[in-house]
C-alpha atoms as a PDB file:
ATOM      1  CA  UNK A   1     -84.270  78.892 301.980  1.00  0.00           C
ATOM      2  CA  UNK A   2     -87.870  78.094 302.899  1.00  0.00           C
ATOM      3  CA  UNK A   3     -89.339  80.583 305.352  1.00  0.00           C
ATOM      4  CA  UNK A   4     -90.252  78.983 308.673  1.00  0.00           C
ATOM      5  CA  UNK A   5     -93.554  80.136 310.154  1.00  0.00           C
ATOM      6  CA  UNK A   6     -94.166  80.457 313.893  1.00  0.00           C
ATOM      7  CA  UNK A   7     -97.789  80.979 314.949  1.00  0.00           C
ATOM      8  CA  UNK A   8     -98.346  82.370 318.457  1.00  0.00           C
ATOM      9  CA  UNK A   9    -101.916  82.406 319.809  1.00  0.00           C
ATOM     10  CA  UNK A  10    -102.589  84.048 323.167  1.00  0.00           C
ATOM     11  CA  UNK A  11    -105.118  86.523 324.534  1.00  0.00           C
ATOM     12  CA  UNK A  12    -102.843  87.507 327.418  1.00  0.00           C
ATOM     13  CA  UNK A  13    -102.045  91.105 326.405  1.00  0.00           C
ATOM     14  CA  UNK A  14     -99.183  91.570 328.873  1.00  0.00           C
ATOM     15  CA  UNK A  15     -97.489  88.374 327.702  1.00  0.00           C
ATOM     16  CA  UNK A  16     -97.991  89.102 323.998  1.00  0.00           C
ATOM     17  CA  UNK A  17     -96.691  92.672 324.334  1.00  0.00           C
ATOM     18  CA  UNK A  18     -93.583  91.391 326.089  1.00  0.00           C
ATOM     19  CA  UNK A  19     -92.952  88.817 323.364  1.00  0.00           C
ATOM     20  CA  UNK A  20     -93.491  91.325 320.550  1.00  0.00           C
ATOM     21  CA  UNK A  21     -91.003  93.738 322.137  1.00  0.00           C
ATOM     22  CA  UNK A  22     -88.217  91.133 321.990  1.00  0.00           C
ATOM     23  CA  UNK A  23     -88.789  88.024 319.876  1.00  0.00           C
ATOM     24  CA  UNK A  24     -88.903  89.664 316.391  1.00  0.00           C
ATOM     25  CA  UNK A  25     -85.394  91.031 316.983  1.00  0.00           C
ATOM     26  CA  UNK A  26     -84.062  87.594 317.911  1.00  0.00           C
ATOM     27  CA  UNK A  27     -85.470  85.589 314.992  1.00  0.00           C
ATOM     28  CA  UNK A  28     -83.383  85.174 311.849  1.00  0.00           C
ATOM     29  CA  UNK A  29     -84.422  86.336 308.378  1.00  0.00           C
ATOM     30  CA  UNK A  30     -85.862  82.942 307.427  1.00  0.00           C
ATOM     31  CA  UNK A  31     -88.309  82.893 310.363  1.00  0.00           C
ATOM     32  CA  UNK A  32     -91.682  84.652 310.383  1.00  0.00           C
ATOM     33  CA  UNK A  33     -93.679  85.307 313.550  1.00  0.00           C
ATOM     34  CA  UNK A  34     -97.480  85.421 313.229  1.00  0.00           C
ATOM     35  CA  UNK A  35     -99.471  86.491 316.288  1.00  0.00           C
ATOM     36  CA  UNK A  36    -103.185  86.103 317.025  1.00  0.00           C
ATOM     37  CA  UNK A  37    -104.112  87.994 320.184  1.00  0.00           C
ATOM     38  CA  UNK A  38    -107.699  89.005 319.450  1.00  0.00           C
ATOM     39  CA  UNK A  39    -110.551  86.620 320.284  1.00  0.00           C
ATOM     40  CA  UNK A  40    -112.791  87.889 317.503  1.00  0.00           C
ATOM     41  CA  UNK A  41    -110.068  87.419 314.891  1.00  0.00           C
ATOM     42  CA  UNK A  42    -109.259  84.006 316.356  1.00  0.00           C
ATOM     43  CA  UNK A  43    -112.875  82.889 315.851  1.00  0.00           C
ATOM     44  CA  UNK A  44    -112.748  84.075 312.243  1.00  0.00           C
ATOM     45  CA  UNK A  45    -109.384  82.336 311.756  1.00  0.00           C
ATOM     46  CA  UNK A  46    -110.800  79.030 312.972  1.00  0.00           C
ATOM     47  CA  UNK A  47    -113.628  79.146 310.427  1.00  0.00           C
ATOM     48  CA  UNK A  48    -111.126  79.129 307.569  1.00  0.00           C
ATOM     49  CA  UNK A  49    -108.573  76.646 306.336  1.00  0.00           C
ATOM     50  CA  UNK A  50    -104.880  77.452 306.760  1.00  0.00           C
ATOM     51  CA  UNK A  51    -101.665  75.772 305.631  1.00  0.00           C
ATOM     52  CA  UNK A  52     -99.511  73.950 308.134  1.00  0.00           C
ATOM     53  CA  UNK A  53     -97.054  76.046 310.145  1.00  0.00           C
ATOM     54  CA  UNK A  54     -93.645  74.956 311.379  1.00  0.00           C
ATOM     55  CA  UNK A  55     -94.258  75.858 315.024  1.00  0.00           C
ATOM     56  CA  UNK A  56     -97.529  76.480 316.856  1.00  0.00           C
ATOM     57  CA  UNK A  57     -97.381  78.125 320.290  1.00  0.00           C
ATOM     58  CA  UNK A  58    -100.789  78.474 321.934  1.00  0.00           C
ATOM     59  CA  UNK A  59    -102.298  79.058 325.351  1.00  0.00           C
ATOM     60  CA  UNK A  60    -103.128  75.684 326.852  1.00  0.00           C
ATOM     61  CA  UNK A  61    -106.859  76.346 327.112  1.00  0.00           C
ATOM     62  CA  UNK A  62    -107.066  77.480 323.463  1.00  0.00           C
ATOM     63  CA  UNK A  63    -105.819  74.092 322.276  1.00  0.00           C
ATOM     64  CA  UNK A  64    -108.864  72.504 323.899  1.00  0.00           C
ATOM     65  CA  UNK A  65    -111.372  74.556 321.898  1.00  0.00           C
ATOM     66  CA  UNK A  66    -113.467  72.084 319.908  1.00  0.00           C
ATOM     67  CA  UNK A  67    -113.442  74.230 316.779  1.00  0.00           C
ATOM     68  CA  UNK A  68    -109.685  74.911 316.793  1.00  0.00           C
ATOM     69  CA  UNK A  69    -107.615  72.946 314.315  1.00  0.00           C
ATOM     70  CA  UNK A  70    -104.201  74.056 313.115  1.00  0.00           C
ATOM     71  CA  UNK A  71    -101.653  71.708 311.619  1.00  0.00           C
ATOM     72  CA  UNK A  72     -98.083  72.225 312.789  1.00  0.00           C
ATOM     73  CA  UNK A  73     -94.816  70.314 312.637  1.00  0.00           C
ATOM     74  CA  UNK A  74     -94.229  71.173 316.297  1.00  0.00           C
ATOM     75  CA  UNK A  75     -96.699  72.371 318.932  1.00  0.00           C
ATOM     76  CA  UNK A  76     -96.004  73.967 322.322  1.00  0.00           C
ATOM     77  CA  UNK A  77     -98.573  74.956 324.950  1.00  0.00           C
ATOM     78  CA  UNK A  78     -98.229  78.093 327.067  1.00  0.00           C
ATOM     79  CA  UNK A  79     -98.704  77.371 330.767  1.00  0.00           C
ATOM     80  CA  UNK A  80     -97.952  79.096 334.065  1.00  0.00           C
ATOM     81  CA  UNK A  81     -95.334  76.608 335.267  1.00  0.00           C
ATOM     82  CA  UNK A  82     -93.978  73.555 333.503  1.00  0.00           C
ATOM     83  CA  UNK A  83     -91.263  70.996 333.034  1.00  0.00           C
ATOM     84  CA  UNK A  84     -92.998  69.083 330.238  1.00  0.00           C
ATOM     85  CA  UNK A  85     -91.258  68.896 326.863  1.00  0.00           C
ATOM     86  CA  UNK A  86     -94.149  70.283 324.844  1.00  0.00           C
ATOM     87  CA  UNK A  87     -94.908  73.256 327.097  1.00  0.00           C
ATOM     88  CA  UNK A  88     -93.448  76.738 327.579  1.00  0.00           C
ATOM     89  CA  UNK A  89     -93.718  78.667 330.823  1.00  0.00           C
ATOM     90  CA  UNK A  90     -95.096  82.172 330.402  1.00  0.00           C
ATOM     91  CA  UNK A  91     -92.774  83.313 333.170  1.00  0.00           C
ATOM     92  CA  UNK A  92     -89.792  82.539 330.922  1.00  0.00           C
ATOM     93  CA  UNK A  93     -91.114  85.031 328.331  1.00  0.00           C
ATOM     94  CA  UNK A  94     -88.985  85.319 325.169  1.00  0.00           C
ATOM     95  CA  UNK A  95     -86.208  83.174 326.580  1.00  0.00           C
ATOM     96  CA  UNK A  96     -88.633  80.283 327.033  1.00  0.00           C
ATOM     97  CA  UNK A  97     -89.661  80.425 323.379  1.00  0.00           C
ATOM     98  CA  UNK A  98     -86.106  80.839 322.087  1.00  0.00           C
ATOM     99  CA  UNK A  99     -84.879  77.868 324.098  1.00  0.00           C
ATOM    100  CA  UNK A 100     -87.547  75.681 322.480  1.00  0.00           C
ATOM    101  CA  UNK A 101     -87.065  77.018 318.944  1.00  0.00           C
ATOM    102  CA  UNK A 102     -83.307  76.471 318.879  1.00  0.00           C
ATOM    103  CA  UNK A 103     -80.628  77.824 316.556  1.00  0.00           C
ATOM    104  CA  UNK A 104     -82.563  77.110 313.330  1.00  0.00           C
ATOM    105  CA  UNK A 105     -84.844  80.037 314.123  1.00  0.00           C
ATOM    106  CA  UNK A 106     -82.549  82.444 315.976  1.00  0.00           C
ATOM    107  CA  UNK A 107     -80.162  85.057 314.631  1.00  0.00           C
ATOM    108  CA  UNK A 108     -76.502  84.109 314.649  1.00  0.00           C
ATOM    109  CA  UNK A 109     -73.599  86.377 313.816  1.00  0.00           C
ATOM    110  CA  UNK A 110     -70.446  85.328 312.001  1.00  0.00           C
ATOM    111  CA  UNK A 111     -67.630  86.604 314.179  1.00  0.00           C
ATOM    112  CA  UNK A 112     -63.968  87.245 313.501  1.00  0.00           C
ATOM    113  CA  UNK A 113     -62.182  84.423 315.292  1.00  0.00           C
ATOM    114  CA  UNK A 114     -59.826  85.716 317.960  1.00  0.00           C
ATOM    115  CA  UNK A 115     -61.060  89.306 317.804  1.00  0.00           C
ATOM    116  CA  UNK A 116     -62.245  90.844 321.057  1.00  0.00           C
ATOM    117  CA  UNK A 117     -65.350  93.008 320.741  1.00  0.00           C
ATOM    118  CA  UNK A 118     -65.865  95.916 323.121  1.00  0.00           C
ATOM    119  CA  UNK A 119     -69.417  96.911 324.070  1.00  0.00           C
ATOM    120  CA  UNK A 120     -69.557 100.397 325.596  1.00  0.00           C
ATOM    121  CA  UNK A 121     -72.578 100.857 327.885  1.00  0.00           C
ATOM    122  CA  UNK A 122     -73.357 104.547 328.357  1.00  0.00           C
ATOM    123  CA  UNK A 123     -76.031 106.995 329.481  1.00  0.00           C
ATOM    124  CA  UNK A 124     -76.557 110.701 328.927  1.00  0.00           C
ATOM    125  CA  UNK A 125     -77.612 111.075 332.570  1.00  0.00           C
ATOM    126  CA  UNK A 126     -77.843 109.039 335.770  1.00  0.00           C
ATOM    127  CA  UNK A 127     -80.598 106.679 336.873  1.00  0.00           C
ATOM    128  CA  UNK A 128     -81.015 104.975 333.496  1.00  0.00           C
ATOM    129  CA  UNK A 129     -80.437 101.366 334.557  1.00  0.00           C
ATOM    130  CA  UNK A 130     -76.926 101.397 333.111  1.00  0.00           C
ATOM    131  CA  UNK A 131     -75.367  99.061 335.681  1.00  0.00           C
ATOM    132  CA  UNK A 132     -78.222  96.569 335.300  1.00  0.00           C
ATOM    133  CA  UNK A 133     -77.824  96.659 331.538  1.00  0.00           C
ATOM    134  CA  UNK A 134     -74.047  96.159 331.600  1.00  0.00           C
ATOM    135  CA  UNK A 135     -74.250  93.299 334.121  1.00  0.00           C
ATOM    136  CA  UNK A 136     -77.180  91.751 332.242  1.00  0.00           C
ATOM    137  CA  UNK A 137     -75.387  91.892 328.886  1.00  0.00           C
ATOM    138  CA  UNK A 138     -72.210  90.377 330.337  1.00  0.00           C
ATOM    139  CA  UNK A 139     -74.130  87.593 332.085  1.00  0.00           C
ATOM    140  CA  UNK A 140     -76.215  86.780 329.021  1.00  0.00           C
ATOM    141  CA  UNK A 141     -73.178  86.602 326.737  1.00  0.00           C
ATOM    142  CA  UNK A 142     -71.400  84.396 329.264  1.00  0.00           C
ATOM    143  CA  UNK A 143     -74.417  82.082 329.464  1.00  0.00           C
ATOM    144  CA  UNK A 144     -74.262  81.778 325.674  1.00  0.00           C
ATOM    145  CA  UNK A 145     -70.746  80.378 325.981  1.00  0.00           C
ATOM    146  CA  UNK A 146     -68.619  83.454 325.295  1.00  0.00           C
ATOM    147  CA  UNK A 147     -65.604  84.515 327.348  1.00  0.00           C
ATOM    148  CA  UNK A 148     -66.642  87.875 328.816  1.00  0.00           C
ATOM    149  CA  UNK A 149     -64.914  90.538 330.905  1.00  0.00           C
ATOM    150  CA  UNK A 150     -66.977  93.218 332.670  1.00  0.00           C
ATOM    151  CA  UNK A 151     -65.266  96.515 333.535  1.00  0.00           C
ATOM    152  CA  UNK A 152     -66.838  99.298 335.603  1.00  0.00           C
ATOM    153  CA  UNK A 153     -65.075 102.425 334.341  1.00  0.00           C
ATOM    154  CA  UNK A 154     -66.722 104.844 336.772  1.00  0.00           C
ATOM    155  CA  UNK A 155     -65.315 107.049 339.493  1.00  0.00           C
ATOM    156  CA  UNK A 156     -67.533 105.307 342.072  1.00  0.00           C
ATOM    157  CA  UNK A 157     -68.088 101.621 341.367  1.00  0.00           C
ATOM    158  CA  UNK A 158     -71.407 100.230 342.638  1.00  0.00           C
ATOM    159  CA  UNK A 159     -71.938  97.048 340.637  1.00  0.00           C
ATOM    160  CA  UNK A 160     -71.409  94.748 343.637  1.00  0.00           C
ATOM    161  CA  UNK A 161     -75.063  95.177 344.595  1.00  0.00           C
ATOM    162  CA  UNK A 162     -75.887  92.842 341.697  1.00  0.00           C
ATOM    163  CA  UNK A 163     -73.344  90.169 342.624  1.00  0.00           C
ATOM    164  CA  UNK A 164     -73.868  87.219 345.000  1.00  0.00           C
ATOM    165  CA  UNK A 165     -73.549  87.959 348.724  1.00  0.00           C
ATOM    166  CA  UNK A 166     -70.188  86.224 349.086  1.00  0.00           C
ATOM    167  CA  UNK A 167     -68.610  88.645 346.585  1.00  0.00           C
ATOM    168  CA  UNK A 168     -69.980  91.935 347.914  1.00  0.00           C
ATOM    169  CA  UNK A 169     -66.939  92.638 350.132  1.00  0.00           C
ATOM    170  CA  UNK A 170     -64.327  91.344 347.698  1.00  0.00           C
ATOM    171  CA  UNK A 171     -62.724  94.739 347.092  1.00  0.00           C
ATOM    172  CA  UNK A 172     -59.770  95.406 344.814  1.00  0.00           C
ATOM    173  CA  UNK A 173     -56.392  94.905 346.447  1.00  0.00           C
ATOM    174  CA  UNK A 174     -53.648  97.511 346.824  1.00  0.00           C
ATOM    175  CA  UNK A 175     -51.623  95.776 344.104  1.00  0.00           C
ATOM    176  CA  UNK A 176     -54.286  96.673 341.545  1.00  0.00           C
ATOM    177  CA  UNK A 177     -54.168 100.352 342.511  1.00  0.00           C
ATOM    178  CA  UNK A 178     -50.372 100.305 342.248  1.00  0.00           C
ATOM    179  CA  UNK A 179     -50.585  98.688 338.813  1.00  0.00           C
ATOM    180  CA  UNK A 180     -52.897 101.462 337.612  1.00  0.00           C
ATOM    181  CA  UNK A 181     -50.707 104.189 339.101  1.00  0.00           C
ATOM    182  CA  UNK A 182     -47.612 102.711 337.444  1.00  0.00           C
ATOM    183  CA  UNK A 183     -49.082 103.166 333.995  1.00  0.00           C
ATOM    184  CA  UNK A 184     -50.804  99.865 333.546  1.00  0.00           C
ATOM    185  CA  UNK A 185     -48.600  96.901 334.442  1.00  0.00           C
ATOM    186  CA  UNK A 186     -51.023  94.791 332.407  1.00  0.00           C
ATOM    187  CA  UNK A 187     -49.950  91.428 333.766  1.00  0.00           C
ATOM    188  CA  UNK A 188     -50.693  92.612 337.307  1.00  0.00           C
ATOM    189  CA  UNK A 189     -54.076  93.968 336.189  1.00  0.00           C
ATOM    190  CA  UNK A 190     -54.933  90.637 334.588  1.00  0.00           C
ATOM    191  CA  UNK A 191     -53.808  88.780 337.704  1.00  0.00           C
ATOM    192  CA  UNK A 192     -56.395  90.727 339.737  1.00  0.00           C
ATOM    193  CA  UNK A 193     -59.346  89.803 337.505  1.00  0.00           C
ATOM    194  CA  UNK A 194     -62.069  87.923 339.418  1.00  0.00           C
ATOM    195  CA  UNK A 195     -64.300  85.133 338.120  1.00  0.00           C
ATOM    196  CA  UNK A 196     -68.025  84.731 338.753  1.00  0.00           C
ATOM    197  CA  UNK A 197     -70.789  84.226 336.175  1.00  0.00           C
ATOM    198  CA  UNK A 198     -68.374  86.242 334.018  1.00  0.00           C
ATOM    199  CA  UNK A 199     -64.917  87.707 334.627  1.00  0.00           C
ATOM    200  CA  UNK A 200     -64.763  91.191 336.132  1.00  0.00           C
ATOM    201  CA  UNK A 201     -62.247  93.746 337.349  1.00  0.00           C
ATOM    202  CA  UNK A 202     -62.894  94.088 341.102  1.00  0.00           C
ATOM    203  CA  UNK A 203     -64.349  97.329 342.404  1.00  0.00           C
ATOM    204  CA  UNK A 204     -62.438  99.756 344.580  1.00  0.00           C
ATOM    205  CA  UNK A 205     -64.150 100.491 347.876  1.00  0.00           C
ATOM    206  CA  UNK A 206     -63.551 104.244 347.629  1.00  0.00           C
ATOM    207  CA  UNK A 207     -63.781 106.576 344.611  1.00  0.00           C
ATOM    208  CA  UNK A 208     -60.910 106.186 342.143  1.00  0.00           C
ATOM    209  CA  UNK A 209     -59.459 109.596 342.959  1.00  0.00           C
ATOM    210  CA  UNK A 210     -58.699 108.307 346.467  1.00  0.00           C
ATOM    211  CA  UNK A 211     -56.153 105.965 344.840  1.00  0.00           C
ATOM    212  CA  UNK A 212     -54.874 108.522 342.324  1.00  0.00           C
ATOM    213  CA  UNK A 213     -56.358 106.453 339.483  1.00  0.00           C
ATOM    214  CA  UNK A 214     -57.772 108.152 336.394  1.00  0.00           C
ATOM    215  CA  UNK A 215     -60.561 106.866 334.184  1.00  0.00           C
ATOM    216  CA  UNK A 216     -58.131 107.154 331.286  1.00  0.00           C
ATOM    217  CA  UNK A 217     -56.151 104.355 332.952  1.00  0.00           C
ATOM    218  CA  UNK A 218     -59.272 102.179 332.682  1.00  0.00           C
ATOM    219  CA  UNK A 219     -59.745 103.013 329.007  1.00  0.00           C
ATOM    220  CA  UNK A 220     -56.099 102.139 328.342  1.00  0.00           C
ATOM    221  CA  UNK A 221     -56.483  98.866 330.254  1.00  0.00           C
ATOM    222  CA  UNK A 222     -59.551  97.867 328.215  1.00  0.00           C
ATOM    223  CA  UNK A 223     -57.745  98.515 324.935  1.00  0.00           C
ATOM    224  CA  UNK A 224     -54.649  96.607 326.059  1.00  0.00           C
ATOM    225  CA  UNK A 225     -56.623  93.565 327.216  1.00  0.00           C
ATOM    226  CA  UNK A 226     -58.614  93.645 323.969  1.00  0.00           C
ATOM    227  CA  UNK A 227     -55.314  93.686 322.098  1.00  0.00           C
ATOM    228  CA  UNK A 228     -54.295  90.430 323.760  1.00  0.00           C
ATOM    229  CA  UNK A 229     -57.508  88.786 322.482  1.00  0.00           C
ATOM    230  CA  UNK A 230     -58.130  86.965 325.768  1.00  0.00           C
ATOM    231  CA  UNK A 231     -61.909  87.505 325.627  1.00  0.00           C
ATOM    232  CA  UNK A 232     -64.674  87.342 323.063  1.00  0.00           C
ATOM    233  CA  UNK A 233     -66.332  90.399 324.607  1.00  0.00           C
ATOM    234  CA  UNK A 234     -65.413  93.176 327.015  1.00  0.00           C
ATOM    235  CA  UNK A 235     -68.473  94.976 328.415  1.00  0.00           C
ATOM    236  CA  UNK A 236     -67.486  98.410 329.707  1.00  0.00           C
ATOM    237  CA  UNK A 237     -69.833 100.432 331.899  1.00  0.00           C
ATOM    238  CA  UNK A 238     -69.068 104.143 331.644  1.00  0.00           C
ATOM    239  CA  UNK A 239     -69.803 107.086 333.887  1.00  0.00           C
ATOM    240  CA  UNK A 240     -73.059 108.912 332.985  1.00  0.00           C
ATOM    241  CA  UNK A 241     -72.655 111.997 330.837  1.00  0.00           C
ATOM    242  CA  UNK A 242     -69.531 112.959 328.917  1.00  0.00           C
ATOM    243  CA  UNK A 243     -66.023 114.062 329.798  1.00  0.00           C
ATOM    244  CA  UNK A 244     -63.304 115.008 327.343  1.00  0.00           C
ATOM    245  CA  UNK A 245     -61.508 111.705 327.960  1.00  0.00           C
ATOM    246  CA  UNK A 246     -64.669 109.612 327.621  1.00  0.00           C
ATOM    247  CA  UNK A 247     -65.701 111.398 324.416  1.00  0.00           C
ATOM    248  CA  UNK A 248     -62.288 110.630 322.922  1.00  0.00           C
ATOM    249  CA  UNK A 249     -62.556 106.972 323.960  1.00  0.00           C
ATOM    250  CA  UNK A 250     -66.097 106.548 322.612  1.00  0.00           C
ATOM    251  CA  UNK A 251     -65.224 108.196 319.298  1.00  0.00           C
ATOM    252  CA  UNK A 252     -63.468 104.940 318.397  1.00  0.00           C
ATOM    253  CA  UNK A 253     -66.251 102.700 319.741  1.00  0.00           C
ATOM    254  CA  UNK A 254     -67.600 100.051 317.385  1.00  0.00           C
ATOM    255  CA  UNK A 255     -70.681  99.263 319.507  1.00  0.00           C
ATOM    256  CA  UNK A 256     -72.365 101.552 322.002  1.00  0.00           C
ATOM    257  CA  UNK A 257     -75.478 100.718 324.032  1.00  0.00           C
ATOM    258  CA  UNK A 258     -77.176 103.893 325.274  1.00  0.00           C
ATOM    259  CA  UNK A 259     -79.380 103.475 328.350  1.00  0.00           C
ATOM    260  CA  UNK A 260     -82.245 105.918 328.836  1.00  0.00           C
ATOM    261  CA  UNK A 261     -84.954 106.659 331.382  1.00  0.00           C
ATOM    262  CA  UNK A 262     -87.483 106.993 328.545  1.00  0.00           C
ATOM    263  CA  UNK A 263     -88.868 110.285 329.816  1.00  0.00           C
ATOM    264  CA  UNK A 264     -89.538 113.609 328.119  1.00  0.00           C
ATOM    265  CA  UNK A 265     -86.354 115.101 326.695  1.00  0.00           C
ATOM    266  CA  UNK A 266     -84.316 111.900 326.891  1.00  0.00           C
ATOM    267  CA  UNK A 267     -84.257 111.329 323.126  1.00  0.00           C
ATOM    268  CA  UNK A 268     -82.735 114.773 322.623  1.00  0.00           C
ATOM    269  CA  UNK A 269     -80.097 114.050 325.294  1.00  0.00           C
ATOM    270  CA  UNK A 270     -79.113 110.872 323.466  1.00  0.00           C
ATOM    271  CA  UNK A 271     -78.771 112.730 320.153  1.00  0.00           C
ATOM    272  CA  UNK A 272     -76.609 115.419 321.759  1.00  0.00           C
ATOM    273  CA  UNK A 273     -74.486 112.787 323.512  1.00  0.00           C
ATOM    274  CA  UNK A 274     -73.699 110.914 320.300  1.00  0.00           C
ATOM    275  CA  UNK A 275     -73.367 114.165 318.353  1.00  0.00           C
ATOM    276  CA  UNK A 276     -70.510 115.227 320.628  1.00  0.00           C
ATOM    277  CA  UNK A 277     -68.442 112.142 319.735  1.00  0.00           C
ATOM    278  CA  UNK A 278     -66.195 113.503 316.994  1.00  0.00           C
ATOM    279  CA  UNK A 279     -65.612 110.931 314.282  1.00  0.00           C
ATOM    280  CA  UNK A 280     -67.909 108.296 315.791  1.00  0.00           C
ATOM    281  CA  UNK A 281     -68.643 105.736 313.098  1.00  0.00           C
ATOM    282  CA  UNK A 282     -69.753 102.747 315.139  1.00  0.00           C
ATOM    283  CA  UNK A 283     -73.190 101.358 315.870  1.00  0.00           C
ATOM    284  CA  UNK A 284     -75.458 102.744 318.562  1.00  0.00           C
ATOM    285  CA  UNK A 285     -78.512 101.026 320.031  1.00  0.00           C
ATOM    286  CA  UNK A 286     -80.878 102.275 322.728  1.00  0.00           C
ATOM    287  CA  UNK A 287     -82.127 100.436 325.827  1.00  0.00           C
ATOM    288  CA  UNK A 288     -85.198 102.127 327.326  1.00  0.00           C
ATOM    289  CA  UNK A 289     -85.416 101.612 331.080  1.00  0.00           C
ATOM    290  CA  UNK A 290     -89.069 102.091 332.017  1.00  0.00           C
ATOM    291  CA  UNK A 291     -91.853 101.159 334.389  1.00  0.00           C
ATOM    292  CA  UNK A 292     -94.415  98.419 333.768  1.00  0.00           C
ATOM    293  CA  UNK A 293     -96.888 100.836 332.167  1.00  0.00           C
ATOM    294  CA  UNK A 294     -94.457 101.757 329.367  1.00  0.00           C
ATOM    295  CA  UNK A 295     -92.803  98.434 328.636  1.00  0.00           C
ATOM    296  CA  UNK A 296     -95.295  97.531 325.898  1.00  0.00           C
ATOM    297  CA  UNK A 297     -94.733 100.749 323.922  1.00  0.00           C
ATOM    298  CA  UNK A 298     -94.321 100.357 320.156  1.00  0.00           C
ATOM    299  CA  UNK A 299     -90.599  99.777 319.731  1.00  0.00           C
ATOM    300  CA  UNK A 300     -90.575 101.019 316.128  1.00  0.00           C
ATOM    301  CA  UNK A 301     -92.111 104.344 317.128  1.00  0.00           C
ATOM    302  CA  UNK A 302     -89.509 104.600 319.885  1.00  0.00           C
ATOM    303  CA  UNK A 303     -86.722 103.994 317.361  1.00  0.00           C
ATOM    304  CA  UNK A 304     -87.999 106.886 315.235  1.00  0.00           C
ATOM    305  CA  UNK A 305     -88.111 109.070 318.340  1.00  0.00           C
ATOM    306  CA  UNK A 306     -84.504 108.342 319.305  1.00  0.00           C
ATOM    307  CA  UNK A 307     -83.071 108.226 315.748  1.00  0.00           C
ATOM    308  CA  UNK A 308     -81.294 105.014 316.771  1.00  0.00           C
ATOM    309  CA  UNK A 309     -82.604 101.434 316.967  1.00  0.00           C
ATOM    310  CA  UNK A 310     -84.374 100.747 320.264  1.00  0.00           C
ATOM    311  CA  UNK A 311     -83.494  97.108 320.894  1.00  0.00           C
ATOM    312  CA  UNK A 312     -85.387  96.662 324.153  1.00  0.00           C
ATOM    313  CA  UNK A 313     -87.935  98.194 326.531  1.00  0.00           C
ATOM    314  CA  UNK A 314     -86.844  96.999 329.977  1.00  0.00           C
ATOM    315  CA  UNK A 315     -88.986  96.865 333.109  1.00  0.00           C
ATOM    316  CA  UNK A 316     -87.599  95.414 336.309  1.00  0.00           C
ATOM    317  CA  UNK A 317     -88.985  93.419 339.197  1.00  0.00           C
ATOM    318  CA  UNK A 318     -89.796  95.473 342.270  1.00  0.00           C
ATOM    319  CA  UNK A 319     -87.989  92.847 344.311  1.00  0.00           C
ATOM    320  CA  UNK A 320     -84.334  93.877 343.867  1.00  0.00           C
ATOM    321  CA  UNK A 321     -83.002  90.511 345.049  1.00  0.00           C
ATOM    322  CA  UNK A 322     -85.019  88.611 342.435  1.00  0.00           C
ATOM    323  CA  UNK A 323     -84.016  91.091 339.760  1.00  0.00           C
ATOM    324  CA  UNK A 324     -80.304  90.746 340.605  1.00  0.00           C
ATOM    325  CA  UNK A 325     -80.564  86.955 340.520  1.00  0.00           C
ATOM    326  CA  UNK A 326     -82.137  87.055 337.051  1.00  0.00           C
ATOM    327  CA  UNK A 327     -79.364  89.351 335.827  1.00  0.00           C
ATOM    328  CA  UNK A 328     -76.555  87.095 337.029  1.00  0.00           C
ATOM    329  CA  UNK A 329     -78.298  84.011 335.629  1.00  0.00           C
ATOM    330  CA  UNK A 330     -78.348  85.652 332.197  1.00  0.00           C
ATOM    331  CA  UNK A 331     -82.148  85.848 332.033  1.00  0.00           C
ATOM    332  CA  UNK A 332     -82.335  89.483 330.950  1.00  0.00           C
ATOM    333  CA  UNK A 333     -81.383  91.501 327.884  1.00  0.00           C
ATOM    334  CA  UNK A 334     -81.796  88.785 325.254  1.00  0.00           C
ATOM    335  CA  UNK A 335     -82.877  91.241 322.537  1.00  0.00           C
ATOM    336  CA  UNK A 336     -80.081  93.653 323.488  1.00  0.00           C
ATOM    337  CA  UNK A 337     -77.422  90.950 323.268  1.00  0.00           C
ATOM    338  CA  UNK A 338     -78.634  89.921 319.823  1.00  0.00           C
ATOM    339  CA  UNK A 339     -78.425  93.587 318.761  1.00  0.00           C
ATOM    340  CA  UNK A 340     -74.901  94.237 320.066  1.00  0.00           C
ATOM    341  CA  UNK A 341     -73.233  90.916 319.173  1.00  0.00           C
END
């Protein structure tokens, strides 16, 4: 198959770094991304002749340079805000480019029809953006057309802070607690599932021990629902750290997304965490939760540091309300979803 070439030209370092941290992991093997982000190199490039590319993506003002001439089958201009067909908003980052490129350029995965895939979202310690990652993955998969169930398998369940206001007090009913205490009663558990941007098991208002519910009951529920093949994906958020029961559950995991704070010592914690999962033979990817100053770190160097593929460097908006809205709309974790699908 002929390799499709995508040429991106922009001198906006923040934008380019963001794109380079995500887009290469989304493109399929027949697509090549070429980036020009240096003005001096751009001037040299313009003095030479170059073959036509399949897609040209360039800052709007660059396209107006008198000496710039690049043949392309399709051209898009990077702008601040847009609704025009031949423009891409910088604010949409990688998602904006992917939406324009379409499925001919993006990785797709052949899936076993009818088989439910479980994505275990974990962290070696607290404060690693685990809830944001799990919600973001579930929302993104749902936006892509998959049937998704989100399960918060933690003693204290706090994911409601990322849901719309009208759902924040929609606590689990007594019948759900009784179903758990009676060893499952799967039909009753399924009956209690709520629907929003994705399906989810409602949170209990108090810690699980207040209802005499064990985390093992949650692990059993996930496996039983997966066995019924009702969903394409079940995204399970786990308690930070390891317990004996969690280690046993994760030993059979096929896909684990490890969230980190990307601070000193975190890579070693991840290695110890996975090393304590006896018999683990699944895939493990790392999501680095970081501040704005670290989000453009070299993702390949990070992967060497962690010994596992780092699929995304994630920085979040300071405005929590905006950040939550983007999560629910499926506008985060594109590179992660491609990695765990």
